[in-house]
Every structure is written in C-alpha cells, then in structure tokens.
C-alpha cells in the first residue's frame, strides 16, 4: 500500500476509474451481443435497428479511449457486414 498521501489518493482514483471503465466495456460487449443475437434470429429490420444503436455506443466508448478507435471501427465494420449479408 502507498505511504504518501498523493499516492493513496491516486490508488483510490484508480479503483473508481477502473469500475467506471469496466461498466463501459460491459456496455460495449452487451451492444455487440445484441446485434449478433438479432442477426441470429434472422430478422433484418431488428438487426439493422440494433446495429444503429450499437454503433452509437461503440463510438462513444471509443471517444473515451476505453477501446482503441481502430478496434471500434473494426467492430462496427464486421457487424455492418454481417447485417448486410443477411438474406
């Protein structure tokens, strides 16, 4: 454990930041899963709607640097390609 007051404060801040970032990462994964689930059901309209909302979530989390912008772009691209390829 840190002995200096400023180091103790940074440790407390790191814990709080980790909790916040973890919840954002969880929201990202949930958004991606919702699109994949809609694709699996075969309902293109639902998948398109789910993709639209997921893209907003992915962009917001990338802006906060929780995931890298290229990773976010890759998620969006692959999900969009999967929705487009639906019959």
PDB file of N, CA and C in Angstrom:
ATOM      1  N   UNK A   1       0.845  -1.190   0.000  1.00  0.00           N
ATOM      2  CA  UNK A   1       0.000   0.000   0.000  1.00  0.00           C
ATOM      3  C   UNK A   1       0.879   1.237   0.000  1.00  0.00           C
ATOM      4  N   UNK A   2       0.399   2.272  -0.648  1.00  0.00           N
ATOM      5  CA  UNK A   2       1.147   3.519  -0.746  1.00  0.00           C
ATOM      6  C   UNK A   2       1.226   4.217   0.609  1.00  0.00           C
ATOM      7  N   UNK A   3       2.339   4.874   0.862  1.00  0.00           N
ATOM      8  CA  UNK A   3       2.534   5.591   2.122  1.00  0.00           C
ATOM      9  C   UNK A   3       2.302   7.089   1.978  1.00  0.00           C
ATOM     10  N   UNK A   4       2.532   7.619   0.798  1.00  0.00           N
ATOM     11  CA  UNK A   4       2.397   9.056   0.571  1.00  0.00           C
ATOM     12  C   UNK A   4       0.937   9.365   0.263  1.00  0.00           C
ATOM     13  N   UNK A   5       0.460  10.482   0.807  1.00  0.00           N
ATOM     14  CA  UNK A   5      -0.960  10.840   0.681  1.00  0.00           C
ATOM     15  C   UNK A   5      -1.390  10.931  -0.775  1.00  0.00           C
ATOM     16  N   UNK A   6      -0.583  11.533  -1.610  1.00  0.00           N
ATOM     17  CA  UNK A   6      -0.958  11.675  -3.021  1.00  0.00           C
ATOM     18  C   UNK A   6      -1.029  10.317  -3.715  1.00  0.00           C
ATOM     19  N   UNK A   7      -0.147   9.393  -3.312  1.00  0.00           N
ATOM     20  CA  UNK A   7      -0.167   8.052  -3.902  1.00  0.00           C
ATOM     21  C   UNK A   7      -1.403   7.291  -3.443  1.00  0.00           C
ATOM     22  N   UNK A   8      -1.807   7.494  -2.172  1.00  0.00           N
ATOM     23  CA  UNK A   8      -3.040   6.855  -1.680  1.00  0.00           C
ATOM     24  C   UNK A   8      -4.243   7.373  -2.456  1.00  0.00           C
ATOM     25  N   UNK A   9      -4.255   8.686  -2.704  1.00  0.00           N
ATOM     26  CA  UNK A   9      -5.361   9.287  -3.461  1.00  0.00           C
ATOM     27  C   UNK A   9      -5.396   8.720  -4.882  1.00  0.00           C
ATOM     28  N   UNK A  10      -4.244   8.621  -5.536  1.00  0.00           N
ATOM     29  CA  UNK A  10      -4.206   8.078  -6.900  1.00  0.00           C
ATOM     30  C   UNK A  10      -4.696   6.630  -6.914  1.00  0.00           C
ATOM     31  N   UNK A  11      -4.377   5.874  -5.857  1.00  0.00           N
ATOM     32  CA  UNK A  11      -4.844   4.483  -5.775  1.00  0.00           C
ATOM     33  C   UNK A  11      -6.370   4.449  -5.674  1.00  0.00           C
ATOM     34  N   UNK A  12      -6.947   5.355  -4.861  1.00  0.00           N
ATOM     35  CA  UNK A  12      -8.402   5.433  -4.751  1.00  0.00           C
ATOM     36  C   UNK A  12      -9.023   5.817  -6.089  1.00  0.00           C
ATOM     37  N   UNK A  13      -8.418   6.798  -6.757  1.00  0.00           N
ATOM     38  CA  UNK A  13      -8.936   7.243  -8.050  1.00  0.00           C
ATOM     39  C   UNK A  13      -8.850   6.121  -9.087  1.00  0.00           C
ATOM     40  N   UNK A  14      -7.776   5.339  -9.028  1.00  0.00           N
ATOM     41  CA  UNK A  14      -7.601   4.246  -9.988  1.00  0.00           C
ATOM     42  C   UNK A  14      -8.700   3.204  -9.819  1.00  0.00           C
ATOM     43  N   UNK A  15      -9.082   2.927  -8.573  1.00  0.00           N
ATOM     44  CA  UNK A  15     -10.140   1.956  -8.319  1.00  0.00           C
ATOM     45  C   UNK A  15     -11.460   2.453  -8.895  1.00  0.00           C
ATOM     46  N   UNK A  16     -11.765   3.733  -8.649  1.00  0.00           N
ATOM     47  CA  UNK A  16     -13.014   4.308  -9.148  1.00  0.00           C
ATOM     48  C   UNK A  16     -13.033   4.330 -10.671  1.00  0.00           C
ATOM     49  N   UNK A  17     -11.915   4.708 -11.273  1.00  0.00           N
ATOM     50  CA  UNK A  17     -11.825   4.772 -12.725  1.00  0.00           C
ATOM     51  C   UNK A  17     -11.954   3.380 -13.339  1.00  0.00           C
ATOM     52  N   UNK A  18     -11.353   2.376 -12.664  1.00  0.00           N
ATOM     53  CA  UNK A  18     -11.437   1.004 -13.156  1.00  0.00           C
ATOM     54  C   UNK A  18     -12.879   0.509 -13.143  1.00  0.00           C
ATOM     55  N   UNK A  19     -13.624   0.824 -12.083  1.00  0.00           N
ATOM     56  CA  UNK A  19     -15.038   0.436 -12.018  1.00  0.00           C
ATOM     57  C   UNK A  19     -15.830   1.084 -13.144  1.00  0.00           C
ATOM     58  N   UNK A  20     -15.596   2.360 -13.373  1.00  0.00           N
ATOM     59  CA  UNK A  20     -16.322   3.093 -14.418  1.00  0.00           C
ATOM     60  C   UNK A  20     -15.999   2.528 -15.796  1.00  0.00           C
ATOM     61  N   UNK A  21     -14.702   2.334 -16.056  1.00  0.00           N
ATOM     62  CA  UNK A  21     -14.288   1.809 -17.356  1.00  0.00           C
ATOM     63  C   UNK A  21     -14.797   0.386 -17.578  1.00  0.00           C
ATOM     64  N   UNK A  22     -14.846  -0.402 -16.511  1.00  0.00           N
ATOM     65  CA  UNK A  22     -15.355  -1.772 -16.626  1.00  0.00           C
ATOM     66  C   UNK A  22     -16.820  -1.772 -17.030  1.00  0.00           C
ATOM     67  N   UNK A  23     -17.589  -0.848 -16.456  1.00  0.00           N
ATOM     68  CA  UNK A  23     -19.012  -0.792 -16.805  1.00  0.00           C
ATOM     69  C   UNK A  23     -19.187  -0.359 -18.253  1.00  0.00           C
ATOM     70  N   UNK A  24     -18.335   0.547 -18.722  1.00  0.00           N
ATOM     71  CA  UNK A  24     -18.416   0.978 -20.122  1.00  0.00           C
ATOM     72  C   UNK A  24     -18.052  -0.166 -21.070  1.00  0.00           C
ATOM     73  N   UNK A  25     -17.012  -0.927 -20.722  1.00  0.00           N
ATOM     74  CA  UNK A  25     -16.626  -2.077 -21.547  1.00  0.00           C
ATOM     75  C   UNK A  25     -17.751  -3.104 -21.585  1.00  0.00           C
ATOM     76  N   UNK A  26     -18.419  -3.291 -20.448  1.00  0.00           N
ATOM     77  CA  UNK A  26     -19.538  -4.216 -20.379  1.00  0.00           C
ATOM     78  C   UNK A  26     -20.675  -3.748 -21.284  1.00  0.00           C
ATOM     79  N   UNK A  27     -20.941  -2.436 -21.281  1.00  0.00           N
ATOM     80  CA  UNK A  27     -21.986  -1.873 -22.142  1.00  0.00           C
ATOM     81  C   UNK A  27     -21.641  -2.114 -23.613  1.00  0.00           C
ATOM     82  N   UNK A  28     -20.355  -1.983 -23.950  1.00  0.00           N
ATOM     83  CA  UNK A  28     -19.891  -2.238 -25.321  1.00  0.00           C
ATOM     84  C   UNK A  28     -20.167  -3.682 -25.714  1.00  0.00           C
ATOM     85  N   UNK A  29     -19.779  -4.611 -24.855  1.00  0.00           N
ATOM     86  CA  UNK A  29     -19.968  -6.028 -25.164  1.00  0.00           C
ATOM     87  C   UNK A  29     -21.449  -6.375 -25.289  1.00  0.00           C
ATOM     88  N   UNK A  30     -22.271  -5.780 -24.425  1.00  0.00           N
ATOM     89  CA  UNK A  30     -23.707  -6.024 -24.481  1.00  0.00           C
ATOM     90  C   UNK A  30     -24.294  -5.534 -25.797  1.00  0.00           C
ATOM     91  N   UNK A  31     -23.837  -4.358 -26.254  1.00  0.00           N
ATOM     92  CA  UNK A  31     -24.333  -3.803 -27.520  1.00  0.00           C
ATOM     93  C   UNK A  31     -23.970  -4.727 -28.681  1.00  0.00           C
ATOM     94  N   UNK A  32     -22.745  -5.226 -28.670  1.00  0.00           N
ATOM     95  CA  UNK A  32     -22.290  -6.118 -29.738  1.00  0.00           C
ATOM     96  C   UNK A  32     -23.098  -7.422 -29.714  1.00  0.00           C
ATOM     97  N   UNK A  33     -23.321  -7.955 -28.501  1.00  0.00           N
ATOM     98  CA  UNK A  33     -24.086  -9.199 -28.384  1.00  0.00           C
ATOM     99  C   UNK A  33     -25.519  -9.020 -28.855  1.00  0.00           C
ATOM    100  N   UNK A  34     -26.098  -7.850 -28.599  1.00  0.00           N
ATOM    101  CA  UNK A  34     -27.489  -7.635 -29.011  1.00  0.00           C
ATOM    102  C   UNK A  34     -27.610  -7.657 -30.540  1.00  0.00           C
ATOM    103  N   UNK A  35     -26.614  -7.111 -31.228  1.00  0.00           N
ATOM    104  CA  UNK A  35     -26.639  -7.144 -32.699  1.00  0.00           C
ATOM    105  C   UNK A  35     -26.475  -8.580 -33.181  1.00  0.00           C
ATOM    106  N   UNK A  36     -25.535  -9.303 -32.585  1.00  0.00           N
ATOM    107  CA  UNK A  36     -25.314 -10.696 -33.003  1.00  0.00           C
ATOM    108  C   UNK A  36     -26.544 -11.562 -32.754  1.00  0.00           C
ATOM    109  N   UNK A  37     -27.238 -11.286 -31.643  1.00  0.00           N
ATOM    110  CA  UNK A  37     -28.449 -12.043 -31.338  1.00  0.00           C
ATOM    111  C   UNK A  37     -29.543 -11.740 -32.360  1.00  0.00           C
ATOM    112  N   UNK A  38     -29.672 -10.458 -32.747  1.00  0.00           N
ATOM    113  CA  UNK A  38     -30.666 -10.075 -33.753  1.00  0.00           C
ATOM    114  C   UNK A  38     -30.340 -10.719 -35.098  1.00  0.00           C
ATOM    115  N   UNK A  39     -29.063 -10.805 -35.432  1.00  0.00           N
ATOM    116  CA  UNK A  39     -28.650 -11.455 -36.683  1.00  0.00           C
ATOM    117  C   UNK A  39     -29.002 -12.937 -36.628  1.00  0.00           C
ATOM    118  N   UNK A  40     -28.773 -13.564 -35.474  1.00  0.00           N
ATOM    119  CA  UNK A  40     -29.036 -14.999 -35.334  1.00  0.00           C
ATOM    120  C   UNK A  40     -30.523 -15.323 -35.481  1.00  0.00           C
ATOM    121  N   UNK A  41     -31.389 -14.389 -35.067  1.00  0.00           N
ATOM    122  CA  UNK A  41     -32.827 -14.641 -35.194  1.00  0.00           C
ATOM    123  C   UNK A  41     -33.290 -14.537 -36.642  1.00  0.00           C
ATOM    124  N   UNK A  42     -32.513 -13.827 -37.479  1.00  0.00           N
ATOM    125  CA  UNK A  42     -32.843 -13.720 -38.890  1.00  0.00           C
ATOM    126  C   UNK A  42     -33.735 -12.546 -39.237  1.00  0.00           C
ATOM    127  N   UNK A  43     -34.008 -11.677 -38.276  1.00  0.00           N
ATOM    128  CA  UNK A  43     -34.856 -10.506 -38.512  1.00  0.00           C
ATOM    129  C   UNK A  43     -33.970  -9.324 -38.909  1.00  0.00           C
ATOM    130  N   UNK A  44     -33.952  -9.026 -40.211  1.00  0.00           N
ATOM    131  CA  UNK A  44     -33.049  -7.991 -40.709  1.00  0.00           C
ATOM    132  C   UNK A  44     -33.416  -6.606 -40.186  1.00  0.00           C
ATOM    133  N   UNK A  45     -34.694  -6.312 -40.044  1.00  0.00           N
ATOM    134  CA  UNK A  45     -35.114  -5.000 -39.538  1.00  0.00           C
ATOM    135  C   UNK A  45     -34.643  -4.805 -38.100  1.00  0.00           C
ATOM    136  N   UNK A  46     -34.813  -5.825 -37.280  1.00  0.00           N
ATOM    137  CA  UNK A  46     -34.365  -5.742 -35.887  1.00  0.00           C
ATOM    138  C   UNK A  46     -32.848  -5.642 -35.817  1.00  0.00           C
ATOM    139  N   UNK A  47     -32.164  -6.385 -36.682  1.00  0.00           N
ATOM    140  CA  UNK A  47     -30.705  -6.351 -36.697  1.00  0.00           C
ATOM    141  C   UNK A  47     -30.209  -4.976 -37.106  1.00  0.00           C
ATOM    142  N   UNK A  48     -30.855  -4.358 -38.085  1.00  0.00           N
ATOM    143  CA  UNK A  48     -30.468  -3.018 -38.539  1.00  0.00           C
ATOM    144  C   UNK A  48     -30.670  -1.991 -37.428  1.00  0.00           C
ATOM    145  N   UNK A  49     -31.812  -2.087 -36.752  1.00  0.00           N
ATOM    146  CA  UNK A  49     -32.098  -1.164 -35.648  1.00  0.00           C
ATOM    147  C   UNK A  49     -31.094  -1.361 -34.506  1.00  0.00           C
ATOM    148  N   UNK A  50     -30.802  -2.605 -34.192  1.00  0.00           N
ATOM    149  CA  UNK A  50     -29.847  -2.926 -33.133  1.00  0.00           C
ATOM    150  C   UNK A  50     -28.444  -2.438 -33.502  1.00  0.00           C
ATOM    151  N   UNK A  51     -28.091  -2.581 -34.772  1.00  0.00           N
ATOM    152  CA  UNK A  51     -26.788  -2.113 -35.243  1.00  0.00           C
ATOM    153  C   UNK A  51     -26.671  -0.605 -35.101  1.00  0.00           C
ATOM    154  N   UNK A  52     -27.738   0.108 -35.446  1.00  0.00           N
ATOM    155  CA  UNK A  52     -27.718   1.566 -35.354  1.00  0.00           C
ATOM    156  C   UNK A  52     -27.459   2.036 -33.927  1.00  0.00           C
ATOM    157  N   UNK A  53     -28.137   1.415 -32.973  1.00  0.00           N
ATOM    158  CA  UNK A  53     -27.930   1.824 -31.582  1.00  0.00           C
ATOM    159  C   UNK A  53     -26.554   1.382 -31.080  1.00  0.00           C
ATOM    160  N   UNK A  54     -26.086   0.224 -31.526  1.00  0.00           N
ATOM    161  CA  UNK A  54     -24.775  -0.271 -31.098  1.00  0.00           C
ATOM    162  C   UNK A  54     -23.652   0.613 -31.632  1.00  0.00           C
ATOM    163  N   UNK A  55     -23.815   1.140 -32.844  1.00  0.00           N
ATOM    164  CA  UNK A  55     -22.775   1.999 -33.403  1.00  0.00           C
ATOM    165  C   UNK A  55     -22.570   3.246 -32.550  1.00  0.00           C
ATOM    166  N   UNK A  56     -23.643   3.791 -32.023  1.00  0.00           N
ATOM    167  CA  UNK A  56     -23.526   4.951 -31.139  1.00  0.00           C
ATOM    168  C   UNK A  56     -22.777   4.615 -29.868  1.00  0.00           C
ATOM    169  N   UNK A  57     -23.093   3.472 -29.293  1.00  0.00           N
ATOM    170  CA  UNK A  57     -22.418   3.027 -28.069  1.00  0.00           C
ATOM    171  C   UNK A  57     -20.930   2.812 -28.352  1.00  0.00           C
ATOM    172  N   UNK A  58     -20.629   2.135 -29.453  1.00  0.00           N
ATOM    173  CA  UNK A  58     -19.238   1.846 -29.807  1.00  0.00           C
ATOM    174  C   UNK A  58     -18.459   3.147 -30.004  1.00  0.00           C
ATOM    175  N   UNK A  59     -19.049   4.111 -30.709  1.00  0.00           N
ATOM    176  CA  UNK A  59     -18.370   5.385 -30.953  1.00  0.00           C
ATOM    177  C   UNK A  59     -18.108   6.143 -29.659  1.00  0.00           C
ATOM    178  N   UNK A  60     -19.104   6.176 -28.768  1.00  0.00           N
ATOM    179  CA  UNK A  60     -18.922   6.901 -27.504  1.00  0.00           C
ATOM    180  C   UNK A  60     -17.813   6.295 -26.666  1.00  0.00           C
ATOM    181  N   UNK A  61     -17.745   4.970 -26.646  1.00  0.00           N
ATOM    182  CA  UNK A  61     -16.728   4.308 -25.840  1.00  0.00           C
ATOM    183  C   UNK A  61     -15.345   4.475 -26.466  1.00  0.00           C
ATOM    184  N   UNK A  62     -15.278   4.532 -27.781  1.00  0.00           N
ATOM    185  CA  UNK A  62     -14.001   4.778 -28.451  1.00  0.00           C
ATOM    186  C   UNK A  62     -13.528   6.210 -28.201  1.00  0.00           C
ATOM    187  N   UNK A  63     -14.473   7.163 -28.175  1.00  0.00           N
ATOM    188  CA  UNK A  63     -14.112   8.558 -27.906  1.00  0.00           C
ATOM    189  C   UNK A  63     -13.503   8.716 -26.515  1.00  0.00           C
ATOM    190  N   UNK A  64     -13.941   7.878 -25.586  1.00  0.00           N
ATOM    191  CA  UNK A  64     -13.418   7.932 -24.213  1.00  0.00           C
ATOM    192  C   UNK A  64     -12.146   7.113 -24.058  1.00  0.00           C
ATOM    193  N   UNK A  65     -11.692   6.513 -25.170  1.00  0.00           N
ATOM    194  CA  UNK A  65     -10.467   5.715 -25.210  1.00  0.00           C
ATOM    195  C   UNK A  65     -10.519   4.482 -24.304  1.00  0.00           C
ATOM    196  N   UNK A  66     -11.728   3.933 -24.137  1.00  0.00           N
ATOM    197  CA  UNK A  66     -11.868   2.682 -23.402  1.00  0.00           C
ATOM    198  C   UNK A  66     -11.416   1.535 -24.305  1.00  0.00           C
ATOM    199  N   UNK A  67     -11.752   1.641 -25.591  1.00  0.00           N
ATOM    200  CA  UNK A  67     -11.194   0.746 -26.607  1.00  0.00           C
ATOM    201  C   UNK A  67     -10.552   1.632 -27.671  1.00  0.00           C
ATOM    202  N   UNK A  68      -9.594   1.092 -28.378  1.00  0.00           N
ATOM    203  CA  UNK A  68      -8.903   1.857 -29.412  1.00  0.00           C
ATOM    204  C   UNK A  68      -9.866   2.162 -30.556  1.00  0.00           C
ATOM    205  N   UNK A  69      -9.664   3.311 -31.189  1.00  0.00           N
ATOM    206  CA  UNK A  69     -10.574   3.729 -32.267  1.00  0.00           C
ATOM    207  C   UNK A  69     -10.580   2.746 -33.425  1.00  0.00           C
ATOM    208  N   UNK A  70      -9.441   2.122 -33.705  1.00  0.00           N
ATOM    209  CA  UNK A  70      -9.404   1.149 -34.799  1.00  0.00           C
ATOM    210  C   UNK A  70     -10.163  -0.125 -34.428  1.00  0.00           C
ATOM    211  N   UNK A  71     -10.096  -0.514 -33.162  1.00  0.00           N
ATOM    212  CA  UNK A  71     -10.850  -1.681 -32.701  1.00  0.00           C
ATOM    213  C   UNK A  71     -12.339  -1.392 -32.804  1.00  0.00           C
ATOM    214  N   UNK A  72     -12.742  -0.185 -32.423  1.00  0.00           N
ATOM    215  CA  UNK A  72     -14.153   0.197 -32.512  1.00  0.00           C
ATOM    216  C   UNK A  72     -14.617   0.181 -33.961  1.00  0.00           C
ATOM    217  N   UNK A  73     -13.779   0.693 -34.847  1.00  0.00           N
ATOM    218  CA  UNK A  73     -14.104   0.711 -36.266  1.00  0.00           C
ATOM    219  C   UNK A  73     -14.248  -0.709 -36.799  1.00  0.00           C
ATOM    220  N   UNK A  74     -13.384  -1.589 -36.335  1.00  0.00           N
ATOM    221  CA  UNK A  74     -13.433  -2.992 -36.756  1.00  0.00           C
ATOM    222  C   UNK A  74     -14.720  -3.664 -36.287  1.00  0.00           C
ATOM    223  N   UNK A  75     -15.119  -3.410 -35.024  1.00  0.00           N
ATOM    224  CA  UNK A  75     -16.376  -3.963 -34.520  1.00  0.00           C
ATOM    225  C   UNK A  75     -17.538  -3.515 -35.399  1.00  0.00           C
ATOM    226  N   UNK A  76     -17.600  -2.205 -35.661  1.00  0.00           N
ATOM    227  CA  UNK A  76     -18.708  -1.658 -36.445  1.00  0.00           C
ATOM    228  C   UNK A  76     -18.724  -2.231 -37.853  1.00  0.00           C
ATOM    229  N   UNK A  77     -17.556  -2.339 -38.459  1.00  0.00           N
ATOM    230  CA  UNK A  77     -17.460  -2.840 -39.821  1.00  0.00           C
ATOM    231  C   UNK A  77     -17.923  -4.287 -39.913  1.00  0.00           C
ATOM    232  N   UNK A  78     -17.492  -5.113 -38.989  1.00  0.00           N
ATOM    233  CA  UNK A  78     -17.851  -6.530 -39.034  1.00  0.00           C
ATOM    234  C   UNK A  78     -19.334  -6.742 -38.756  1.00  0.00           C
ATOM    235  N   UNK A  79     -19.871  -5.954 -37.816  1.00  0.00           N
ATOM    236  CA  UNK A  79     -21.304  -6.078 -37.531  1.00  0.00           C
ATOM    237  C   UNK A  79     -22.125  -5.620 -38.731  1.00  0.00           C
ATOM    238  N   UNK A  80     -21.716  -4.500 -39.350  1.00  0.00           N
ATOM    239  CA  UNK A  80     -22.439  -3.980 -40.510  1.00  0.00           C
ATOM    240  C   UNK A  80     -22.387  -4.979 -41.663  1.00  0.00           C
ATOM    241  N   UNK A  81     -21.227  -5.596 -41.873  1.00  0.00           N
ATOM    242  CA  UNK A  81     -21.098  -6.585 -42.948  1.00  0.00           C
ATOM    243  C   UNK A  81     -21.991  -7.787 -42.675  1.00  0.00           C
ATOM    244  N   UNK A  82     -22.102  -8.190 -41.425  1.00  0.00           N
ATOM    245  CA  UNK A  82     -22.947  -9.334 -41.073  1.00  0.00           C
ATOM    246  C   UNK A  82     -24.424  -8.995 -41.309  1.00  0.00           C
ATOM    247  N   UNK A  83     -24.819  -7.762 -40.993  1.00  0.00           N
ATOM    248  CA  UNK A  83     -26.216  -7.361 -41.215  1.00  0.00           C
ATOM    249  C   UNK A  83     -26.494  -7.282 -42.717  1.00  0.00           C
ATOM    250  N   UNK A  84     -25.551  -6.724 -43.482  1.00  0.00           N
ATOM    251  CA  UNK A  84     -25.731  -6.609 -44.938  1.00  0.00           C
ATOM    252  C   UNK A  84     -25.852  -7.976 -45.596  1.00  0.00           C
ATOM    253  N   UNK A  85     -25.125  -8.951 -45.077  1.00  0.00           N
ATOM    254  CA  UNK A  85     -25.117 -10.274 -45.714  1.00  0.00           C
ATOM    255  C   UNK A  85     -26.351 -11.108 -45.372  1.00  0.00           C
ATOM    256  N   UNK A  86     -27.235 -10.564 -44.531  1.00  0.00           N
ATOM    257  CA  UNK A  86     -28.466 -11.298 -44.204  1.00  0.00           C
ATOM    258  C   UNK A  86     -29.362 -11.387 -45.429  1.00  0.00           C
ATOM    259  N   UNK A  87     -30.079 -12.490 -45.537  1.00  0.00           N
ATOM    260  CA  UNK A  87     -30.955 -12.681 -46.696  1.00  0.00           C
ATOM    261  C   UNK A  87     -32.191 -11.806 -46.624  1.00  0.00           C
TER     262      UNK A  87
END
